[in-house]
Amino acid sequence: MTLWDKWEEILRNNDEDGELLARTFYDEHREAMEAGAVVSWSARPLYT
């Protein structure tokens, strides 16, 4: 399971707290999750 898969699982399976828990997970794993990412709009952050 990739970090993005885990992030999605957290987001979808935690009713009211899903968004907060997923954002916390992302913040804790940001460097690895963004590794190799290419954005199409550089003025906008990868995760908003």
Protein backbone atom coordinates (compact mmCIF):
# COMPACT_ATOMS: atom_id res chain seq x y z
CA MET A 1 0.00 0.00 0.00
CA THR A 2 1.41 3.38 -0.96
CA LEU A 3 1.33 6.38 1.32
CA TRP A 4 -1.32 7.92 -0.93
CA ASP A 5 -3.44 4.76 -0.59
CA LYS A 6 -3.10 4.95 3.20
CA TRP A 7 -4.01 8.66 3.11
CA GLU A 8 -7.15 7.86 1.09
CA GLU A 9 -8.11 5.06 3.48
CA ILE A 10 -7.81 7.45 6.42
CA LEU A 11 -9.83 10.11 4.62
CA ARG A 12 -12.66 7.75 3.64
CA ASN A 13 -12.93 5.63 6.79
CA ASN A 14 -13.02 8.20 9.56
CA ASP A 15 -16.37 9.96 9.19
CA GLU A 16 -16.17 13.36 10.89
CA ASP A 17 -12.43 13.30 11.62
CA GLY A 18 -11.32 11.98 8.22
CA GLU A 19 -10.17 15.27 6.74
CA LEU A 20 -8.21 16.26 9.83
CA LEU A 21 -6.63 12.83 10.26
CA ALA A 22 -5.74 12.63 6.56
CA ARG A 23 -4.17 16.09 6.66
CA THR A 24 -2.16 15.16 9.75
CA PHE A 25 -0.97 11.97 8.03
CA TYR A 26 0.00 13.99 4.96
CA ASP A 27 1.89 16.56 7.02
CA GLU A 28 3.82 13.77 8.76
CA HIS A 29 4.72 12.07 5.44
CA ARG A 30 4.83 15.09 3.15
CA GLU A 31 8.38 14.72 1.89
CA ALA A 32 7.90 11.10 0.84
CA MET A 33 4.43 11.70 -0.61
CA GLU A 34 5.60 14.63 -2.73
CA ALA A 35 8.82 12.95 -3.91
CA GLY A 36 8.86 12.98 -7.71
CA ALA A 37 5.59 14.91 -7.98
CA VAL A 38 5.22 17.37 -10.82
CA VAL A 39 2.61 20.10 -10.53
CA SER A 40 0.84 21.61 -13.49
CA TRP A 41 0.30 24.95 -11.75
CA SER A 42 3.38 25.91 -9.76
CA ALA A 43 1.68 28.83 -8.01
CA ARG A 44 -0.69 26.42 -6.28
CA PRO A 45 0.51 24.05 -3.53
CA LEU A 46 0.33 20.31 -4.15
CA TYR A 47 -2.09 19.71 -1.26
CA THR A 48 -4.58 22.49 -0.58
